[in-house]
Amino acid sequence: LGAIQQSVRGHLTERLLRGKLYTPEEVAQCAESLGMPPDNYCVCVMRLGIDGNRDIGNTARANSMLQEFLRERLDMDSWIYNDETHITYFILQLREEAERDLIALQLCLWEAVAQLAQEGICAQIGLGTAARGLKNIGQSTIYAQSALRLTSKEAPVHMYTNSKGRSKTLAYDSGMSQRLNDMLMTGDSRYVNDYFDILLDRIARHPPSTETEICQIYYGIYSTVENVARSLCENCGEIAMPEFSQDQGVREMILCFCKTCLDLCGLMAAQRIQANDRTVNGIVEFIRQHFTNCNMCAQFIADHFSVSEKYVFFSVKNLTGKSLSDYIQYLRFQRTEALLSGDIDINKIPGMVGFNSVNTFYKAFKRTYGISPGKWRMANAG
């Protein structure tokens, strides 16, 4: 039971980090399961180094040390998720003055990395932006991933933005990141070019003045695109991700992502079509398996598949050429014919094929065949 609970908590934490909680009910379930109040949060990502300390034991030790360090120095609660053996996500609970918390947190993380180094553990940490409420933690994750890419052995801790004023001047901010994520998830390629035109216009009005700002724009877009690609593919090999080059201009770099996003929208659209086909086939197969249930109707099917009744009507008509009621009745009378060919009591047949009354069955049968079930049996006997 404990292992199951731990697995559920891990799954919820992963969805939380990836911004996959879509409804207030899902957010509430996650908050209750993980014990997370509707507060301010920040995500940081810790990556262990490459010099022989990427084993599970060192990861567990590093996680425990960092969690204890944050609790002692900043009285900060944290929730941990390991994406890989050497990659750990920390969801950190901030106080009300979130921006001041981030600065204190950054300084504390520098100390923590130095302490880990004394234990022979080389770590680098990317610090995301403040997130108000659980539903915005996914955006903080994207920025933490971007910040992690900017770390090095000489500068093992990086925060995506250093102040509120600085974040407002960035051409690619959390709002643009969310717009890109939403656009890619819809799979509608019509808006891709418009989006990048807007982004290039913002860059023209607020040109990056340092290499760090250019890196922030690049890795911000990269992380958003990569997160969507991960949700679509078992690996990101199907999507060509542009490589960062210091010799490349900002405009050229941005336009490279435009093609990647068009490819991603195409893949999303194709997967949506496949998913729709699976659902349509699933609806018809569900009716075939359960037509003897007297509760079989559009609402019953729609509730089972979490779709609208209109979608059920369309799916059945599109695949069978019959209306929903005609298709259900067709299946019921196919079974009725088989039962009438035997010697079973006719009055028992309605309940066996899904009719809730004998009278309704007789009326529907005569309307379809022009004769009563008894006469049909006599006409088809032998």
Protein backbone atom coordinates (compact mmCIF):
# COMPACT_ATOMS: atom_id res chain seq x y z
CA LEU A 1 0.00 0.00 0.00
CA GLY A 2 2.84 2.34 0.86
CA ALA A 3 4.48 1.69 -2.50
CA ILE A 4 1.20 2.45 -4.30
CA GLN A 5 0.76 5.72 -2.39
CA GLN A 6 4.33 6.70 -3.18
CA SER A 7 3.74 5.94 -6.87
CA VAL A 8 0.57 8.06 -6.92
CA ARG A 9 2.37 10.96 -5.21
CA GLY A 10 5.22 10.69 -7.72
CA HIS A 11 2.77 10.73 -10.64
CA LEU A 12 0.95 13.78 -9.25
CA THR A 13 4.23 15.61 -8.63
CA GLU A 14 5.34 14.94 -12.21
CA ARG A 15 2.05 16.30 -13.59
CA LEU A 16 2.35 19.32 -11.33
CA LEU A 17 5.88 20.08 -12.57
CA ARG A 18 4.85 19.71 -16.20
CA GLY A 19 1.78 21.92 -15.85
CA LYS A 20 -0.58 19.01 -16.56
CA LEU A 21 -3.26 19.86 -13.98
CA TYR A 22 -6.09 21.21 -16.13
CA THR A 23 -9.08 21.58 -13.82
CA PRO A 24 -9.63 23.04 -10.32
CA GLU A 25 -10.60 19.52 -9.18
CA GLU A 26 -7.24 18.12 -10.32
CA VAL A 27 -5.39 20.95 -8.57
CA ALA A 28 -7.36 20.32 -5.36
CA GLN A 29 -6.64 16.57 -5.52
CA CYS A 30 -2.93 17.22 -6.00
CA ALA A 31 -2.84 19.75 -3.15
CA GLU A 32 -4.57 17.30 -0.81
CA SER A 33 -2.45 14.29 -1.79
CA LEU A 34 0.87 16.14 -1.55
CA GLY A 35 -0.08 18.35 1.41
CA MET A 36 0.56 21.57 -0.54
CA PRO A 37 -1.44 24.69 0.42
CA PRO A 38 -2.52 27.25 -2.25
CA ASP A 39 0.59 29.37 -1.73
CA ASN A 40 3.61 30.81 -3.56
CA TYR A 41 6.15 28.32 -4.91
CA CYS A 42 9.36 28.11 -6.85
CA VAL A 43 11.00 25.18 -8.64
CA CYS A 44 14.71 24.50 -8.65
CA VAL A 45 16.42 21.73 -10.60
CA MET A 46 19.59 20.10 -9.29
CA ARG A 47 21.86 18.15 -11.60
CA LEU A 48 24.76 16.11 -10.27
CA GLY A 49 28.08 16.42 -12.05
CA ILE A 50 29.70 14.05 -14.50
CA ASP A 51 32.76 13.06 -12.50
CA GLY A 52 31.64 9.73 -11.08
CA ASN A 53 28.88 10.75 -8.67
CA ARG A 54 25.71 10.04 -10.65
CA ASP A 55 24.74 6.90 -8.76
CA ILE A 56 21.51 6.50 -6.82
CA GLY A 57 23.25 6.64 -3.44
CA ASN A 58 24.82 10.03 -4.12
CA THR A 59 21.54 11.35 -5.53
CA ALA A 60 19.66 10.35 -2.39
CA ARG A 61 22.40 11.86 -0.22
CA ALA A 62 22.42 15.11 -2.18
CA ASN A 63 18.59 15.36 -2.07
CA SER A 64 18.52 14.81 1.67
CA MET A 65 21.33 17.29 2.35
CA LEU A 66 19.78 20.03 0.21
CA GLN A 67 16.32 19.53 1.68
CA GLU A 68 17.68 19.69 5.23
CA PHE A 69 19.85 22.72 4.37
CA LEU A 70 16.84 24.68 3.04
CA ARG A 71 14.74 23.75 6.05
CA GLU A 72 17.41 24.85 8.53
CA ARG A 73 18.52 28.05 6.79
CA LEU A 74 15.26 29.34 5.32
CA ASP A 75 12.57 27.30 7.11
CA MET A 76 11.38 26.31 3.63
CA ASP A 77 9.27 23.23 2.95
CA SER A 78 10.04 21.30 -0.24
CA TRP A 79 8.65 18.46 -2.35
CA ILE A 80 11.07 16.29 -4.36
CA TYR A 81 10.77 14.54 -7.70
CA ASN A 82 13.56 12.62 -9.47
CA ASP A 83 13.22 12.74 -13.26
CA GLU A 84 16.45 10.79 -13.77
CA THR A 85 19.06 9.39 -11.38
CA HIS A 86 21.08 12.60 -11.46
CA ILE A 87 18.26 15.16 -11.99
CA THR A 88 16.14 16.26 -9.02
CA TYR A 89 13.28 18.77 -9.02
CA PHE A 90 12.56 20.64 -5.78
CA ILE A 91 9.22 22.44 -5.41
CA LEU A 92 9.91 25.06 -2.74
CA GLN A 93 7.23 26.86 -0.75
CA LEU A 94 7.85 30.62 -0.61
CA ARG A 95 6.53 33.13 1.85
CA GLU A 96 4.29 36.03 0.83
CA GLU A 97 7.17 38.26 -0.28
CA ALA A 98 8.20 35.84 -3.00
CA GLU A 99 10.77 38.00 -4.81
CA ARG A 100 12.81 38.59 -1.65
CA ASP A 101 12.57 34.87 -0.95
CA LEU A 102 14.10 34.10 -4.34
CA ILE A 103 17.16 36.27 -3.69
CA ALA A 104 17.68 34.68 -0.27
CA LEU A 105 17.14 31.26 -1.84
CA GLN A 106 19.76 31.88 -4.51
CA LEU A 107 22.37 32.80 -1.91
CA CYS A 108 21.42 29.78 0.17
CA LEU A 109 21.78 27.47 -2.84
CA TRP A 110 25.33 28.73 -3.43
CA GLU A 111 26.17 27.70 0.14
CA ALA A 112 24.44 24.34 -0.32
CA VAL A 113 26.42 23.58 -3.49
CA ALA A 114 29.65 24.43 -1.69
CA GLN A 115 28.68 22.10 1.16
CA LEU A 116 27.86 19.29 -1.30
CA ALA A 117 31.26 19.81 -2.94
CA GLN A 118 32.93 19.20 0.43
CA GLU A 119 31.17 15.83 0.50
CA GLY A 120 32.54 15.02 -2.96
CA ILE A 121 29.25 15.72 -4.77
CA CYS A 122 29.45 18.13 -7.70
CA ALA A 123 26.04 19.79 -8.21
CA GLN A 124 24.59 22.51 -10.40
CA ILE A 125 21.23 24.16 -9.71
CA GLY A 126 18.82 26.15 -11.87
CA LEU A 127 16.30 28.34 -10.06
CA GLY A 128 12.93 29.17 -11.64
CA THR A 129 10.60 32.11 -11.15
CA ALA A 130 8.03 32.54 -8.41
CA ALA A 131 4.71 30.78 -9.06
CA ARG A 132 1.47 31.90 -7.43
CA GLY A 133 -0.54 28.77 -6.73
CA LEU A 134 -0.05 25.18 -7.83
CA LYS A 135 -1.39 25.71 -11.36
CA ASN A 136 1.58 27.99 -12.21
CA ILE A 137 4.31 25.63 -11.00
CA GLY A 138 4.74 24.25 -14.52
CA GLN A 139 5.96 27.66 -15.72
CA SER A 140 8.47 27.87 -12.89
CA THR A 141 9.74 24.44 -13.96
CA ILE A 142 10.37 25.66 -17.50
CA TYR A 143 12.41 28.61 -16.22
CA ALA A 144 14.34 26.40 -13.79
CA GLN A 145 15.27 24.10 -16.68
CA SER A 146 16.39 27.13 -18.69
CA ALA A 147 18.45 28.43 -15.77
CA LEU A 148 20.08 25.02 -15.27
CA ARG A 149 21.38 25.14 -18.85
CA LEU A 150 23.24 28.36 -18.02
CA THR A 151 25.13 26.90 -15.06
CA SER A 152 28.76 25.82 -15.13
CA LYS A 153 31.39 24.58 -12.69
CA GLU A 154 32.45 28.19 -12.14
CA ALA A 155 28.84 29.39 -11.70
CA PRO A 156 26.93 26.33 -10.44
CA VAL A 157 23.78 28.26 -9.44
CA HIS A 158 21.76 30.37 -11.84
CA MET A 159 18.44 32.17 -11.35
CA TYR A 160 16.41 32.91 -14.45
CA THR A 161 15.61 36.52 -13.48
CA ASN A 162 17.17 38.64 -10.75
CA SER A 163 14.40 41.19 -10.13
CA LYS A 164 10.88 42.13 -11.11
CA GLY A 165 12.14 45.00 -13.19
CA ARG A 166 14.51 42.78 -15.13
CA SER A 167 11.86 40.19 -15.92
CA LYS A 168 9.62 42.86 -17.49
CA THR A 169 12.30 43.83 -20.00
CA LEU A 170 12.82 40.28 -21.29
CA ALA A 171 11.30 39.73 -24.72
CA TYR A 172 10.50 36.13 -23.87
CA ASP A 173 8.75 36.17 -20.49
CA SER A 174 6.35 33.82 -18.72
CA GLY A 175 3.42 35.19 -20.73
CA MET A 176 5.10 34.40 -24.06
CA SER A 177 6.10 30.99 -22.75
CA GLN A 178 2.49 30.18 -21.80
CA ARG A 179 1.21 31.39 -25.17
CA LEU A 180 3.73 29.19 -26.99
CA ASN A 181 2.83 26.18 -24.84
CA ASP A 182 -0.91 26.66 -25.41
CA MET A 183 -0.43 27.16 -29.16
CA LEU A 184 1.64 23.99 -29.52
CA MET A 185 -0.75 21.91 -27.44
CA THR A 186 -3.68 22.87 -29.72
CA GLY A 187 -1.68 21.71 -32.74
CA ASP A 188 -2.98 24.62 -34.86
CA SER A 189 -0.14 25.67 -37.17
CA ARG A 190 -2.08 28.72 -38.44
CA TYR A 191 -0.89 30.79 -35.48
CA VAL A 192 2.79 29.80 -35.44
CA ASN A 193 4.01 32.48 -37.86
CA ASP A 194 1.94 35.16 -36.10
CA TYR A 195 3.42 34.15 -32.74
CA PHE A 196 7.01 34.44 -33.96
CA ASP A 197 6.26 37.77 -35.67
CA ILE A 198 5.09 39.09 -32.29
CA LEU A 199 8.17 37.67 -30.55
CA LEU A 200 10.54 39.24 -33.10
CA ASP A 201 8.76 42.57 -32.67
CA ARG A 202 9.25 42.36 -28.88
CA ILE A 203 12.93 41.57 -29.38
CA ALA A 204 13.26 44.57 -31.73
CA ARG A 205 11.73 46.82 -29.06
CA HIS A 206 13.66 45.24 -26.16
CA PRO A 207 16.87 43.91 -27.74
CA PRO A 208 18.98 41.63 -25.50
CA SER A 209 22.11 43.48 -24.46
CA THR A 210 24.16 40.57 -23.10
CA GLU A 211 24.94 37.00 -24.07
CA THR A 212 23.14 35.85 -20.92
CA GLU A 213 19.90 37.50 -22.07
CA ILE A 214 20.24 35.84 -25.49
CA CYS A 215 20.76 32.48 -23.75
CA GLN A 216 17.70 33.10 -21.61
CA ILE A 217 15.54 33.69 -24.69
CA TYR A 218 16.96 30.64 -26.47
CA TYR A 219 16.69 28.24 -23.55
CA GLY A 220 13.30 29.63 -22.53
CA ILE A 221 11.87 28.75 -25.96
CA TYR A 222 13.84 25.50 -26.03
CA SER A 223 12.44 24.33 -22.69
CA THR A 224 8.85 25.17 -23.65
CA VAL A 225 9.14 23.33 -26.97
CA GLU A 226 10.96 20.39 -25.39
CA ASN A 227 8.28 19.99 -22.68
CA VAL A 228 5.53 19.79 -25.31
CA ALA A 229 7.62 17.39 -27.41
CA ARG A 230 8.13 15.14 -24.38
CA SER A 231 4.39 14.93 -23.84
CA LEU A 232 3.94 13.82 -27.47
CA CYS A 233 6.86 11.50 -28.06
CA GLU A 234 8.51 8.76 -26.06
CA ASN A 235 11.71 10.53 -27.03
CA CYS A 236 12.26 13.87 -28.69
CA GLY A 237 14.10 12.33 -31.64
CA GLU A 238 11.11 12.93 -33.92
CA ILE A 239 11.45 16.69 -33.41
CA ALA A 240 14.59 18.50 -34.61
CA MET A 241 15.63 21.01 -31.93
CA PRO A 242 17.78 23.97 -33.07
CA GLU A 243 21.25 24.15 -31.56
CA PHE A 244 22.49 27.31 -29.88
CA SER A 245 25.29 29.13 -31.70
CA GLN A 246 27.05 32.27 -30.54
CA ASP A 247 27.70 33.16 -34.18
CA GLN A 248 24.00 33.14 -34.99
CA GLY A 249 21.94 36.32 -34.75
CA VAL A 250 18.93 36.44 -32.43
CA ARG A 251 16.50 36.75 -35.33
CA GLU A 252 17.94 33.72 -37.15
CA MET A 253 17.89 31.72 -33.92
CA ILE A 254 14.21 32.54 -33.36
CA LEU A 255 13.24 31.63 -36.92
CA CYS A 256 14.90 28.21 -36.51
CA PHE A 257 12.38 27.50 -33.75
CA CYS A 258 9.54 28.50 -36.08
CA LYS A 259 10.09 25.41 -38.27
CA THR A 260 10.41 23.20 -35.18
CA CYS A 261 7.08 24.48 -33.88
CA LEU A 262 5.39 23.89 -37.24
CA ASP A 263 6.67 20.29 -37.16
CA LEU A 264 5.41 19.89 -33.60
CA CYS A 265 1.97 21.24 -34.52
CA GLY A 266 1.83 18.76 -37.39
CA LEU A 267 2.66 15.89 -35.04
CA MET A 268 0.11 17.08 -32.50
CA ALA A 269 -2.60 17.35 -35.17
CA ALA A 270 -1.79 13.83 -36.41
CA GLN A 271 -1.94 12.42 -32.88
CA ARG A 272 -5.26 14.17 -32.28
CA ILE A 273 -6.68 12.53 -35.42
CA GLN A 274 -5.41 9.13 -34.25
CA ALA A 275 -6.83 9.71 -30.76
CA ASN A 276 -10.15 10.76 -32.28
CA ASP A 277 -10.23 7.61 -34.43
CA ARG A 278 -9.51 5.46 -31.38
CA THR A 279 -12.31 7.17 -29.45
CA VAL A 280 -14.82 6.79 -32.29
CA ASN A 281 -13.96 3.10 -32.69
CA GLY A 282 -14.05 2.72 -28.93
CA ILE A 283 -17.54 4.20 -28.72
CA VAL A 284 -18.95 1.84 -31.34
CA GLU A 285 -17.21 -1.16 -29.78
CA PHE A 286 -18.55 -0.15 -26.36
CA ILE A 287 -22.09 -0.15 -27.76
CA ARG A 288 -21.51 -3.59 -29.32
CA GLN A 289 -20.35 -4.96 -25.98
CA HIS A 290 -23.05 -3.35 -23.84
CA PHE A 291 -26.17 -2.89 -26.00
CA THR A 292 -28.07 -5.30 -23.72
CA ASN A 293 -27.82 -2.70 -20.94
CA CYS A 294 -31.24 -1.03 -20.78
CA ASN A 295 -29.52 2.24 -19.71
CA MET A 296 -27.65 2.46 -23.02
CA CYS A 297 -28.13 5.99 -24.36
CA ALA A 298 -26.07 8.99 -25.51
CA GLN A 299 -25.53 10.31 -21.99
CA PHE A 300 -24.47 6.89 -20.68
CA ILE A 301 -21.86 6.59 -23.44
CA ALA A 302 -20.72 10.22 -23.17
CA ASP A 303 -20.13 9.88 -19.43
CA HIS A 304 -18.08 6.72 -19.98
CA PHE A 305 -15.78 8.36 -22.55
CA SER A 306 -15.82 11.90 -21.06
CA VAL A 307 -17.10 13.40 -24.32
CA SER A 308 -20.24 15.30 -25.28
CA GLU A 309 -23.49 13.62 -26.35
CA LYS A 310 -23.18 15.45 -29.67
CA TYR A 311 -19.79 13.76 -30.20
CA VAL A 312 -21.39 10.35 -29.52
CA PHE A 313 -24.16 10.96 -32.07
CA PHE A 314 -21.63 12.12 -34.68
CA SER A 315 -19.25 9.21 -34.04
CA VAL A 316 -21.88 6.50 -34.41
CA LYS A 317 -23.40 8.06 -37.53
CA ASN A 318 -19.96 8.59 -39.08
CA LEU A 319 -18.77 5.00 -38.51
CA THR A 320 -21.98 2.96 -38.92
CA GLY A 321 -24.16 5.12 -41.16
CA LYS A 322 -26.98 4.75 -38.62
CA SER A 323 -28.29 7.04 -35.91
CA LEU A 324 -27.44 6.05 -32.33
CA SER A 325 -30.95 4.78 -31.54
CA ASP A 326 -31.18 2.90 -34.85
CA TYR A 327 -27.77 1.28 -34.29
CA ILE A 328 -28.61 0.15 -30.74
CA GLN A 329 -31.95 -1.24 -31.94
CA TYR A 330 -30.23 -2.95 -34.87
CA LEU A 331 -27.88 -4.79 -32.47
CA ARG A 332 -30.73 -5.70 -30.13
CA PHE A 333 -32.85 -7.18 -32.90
CA GLN A 334 -29.88 -9.11 -34.30
CA ARG A 335 -29.65 -10.78 -30.90
CA THR A 336 -33.45 -11.12 -30.76
CA GLU A 337 -33.49 -13.03 -34.07
CA ALA A 338 -30.91 -15.46 -32.69
CA LEU A 339 -32.95 -15.99 -29.51
CA LEU A 340 -36.23 -16.41 -31.42
CA SER A 341 -34.60 -19.13 -33.47
CA GLY A 342 -34.42 -21.17 -30.28
CA ASP A 343 -37.16 -22.21 -27.90
CA ILE A 344 -36.69 -19.58 -25.18
CA ASP A 345 -39.84 -17.93 -23.78
CA ILE A 346 -40.50 -14.80 -25.87
CA ASN A 347 -41.43 -12.74 -22.80
CA LYS A 348 -37.93 -13.32 -21.39
CA ILE A 349 -36.20 -11.97 -24.51
CA PRO A 350 -36.83 -8.21 -23.96
CA GLY A 351 -34.79 -8.14 -20.75
CA MET A 352 -32.02 -10.20 -22.39
CA VAL A 353 -31.53 -7.74 -25.27
CA GLY A 354 -31.84 -4.43 -23.40
CA PHE A 355 -35.53 -3.48 -23.45
CA ASN A 356 -36.87 -2.32 -20.10
CA SER A 357 -40.43 -3.56 -20.76
CA VAL A 358 -42.13 -6.32 -22.73
CA ASN A 359 -44.65 -3.86 -24.18
CA THR A 360 -41.93 -1.54 -25.56
CA PHE A 361 -40.18 -4.56 -27.08
CA TYR A 362 -43.32 -5.81 -28.84
CA LYS A 363 -44.12 -2.36 -30.27
CA ALA A 364 -40.55 -1.80 -31.54
CA PHE A 365 -40.38 -5.30 -33.04
CA LYS A 366 -43.66 -4.97 -34.91
CA ARG A 367 -42.68 -1.50 -36.15
CA THR A 368 -39.45 -2.95 -37.55
CA TYR A 369 -40.60 -6.33 -38.90
CA GLY A 370 -44.29 -5.70 -39.51
CA ILE A 371 -45.29 -8.76 -37.50
CA SER A 372 -45.18 -9.86 -33.87
CA PRO A 373 -42.20 -11.80 -32.44
CA GLY A 374 -44.40 -14.91 -32.16
CA LYS A 375 -45.40 -14.82 -35.83
CA TRP A 376 -41.76 -14.13 -36.83
CA ARG A 377 -40.73 -17.27 -34.90
CA MET A 378 -43.40 -19.35 -36.62
CA ALA A 379 -42.47 -17.98 -40.06
CA ASN A 380 -38.79 -18.71 -39.53
CA ALA A 381 -39.11 -22.02 -37.72
CA GLY A 382 -37.04 -24.79 -39.23
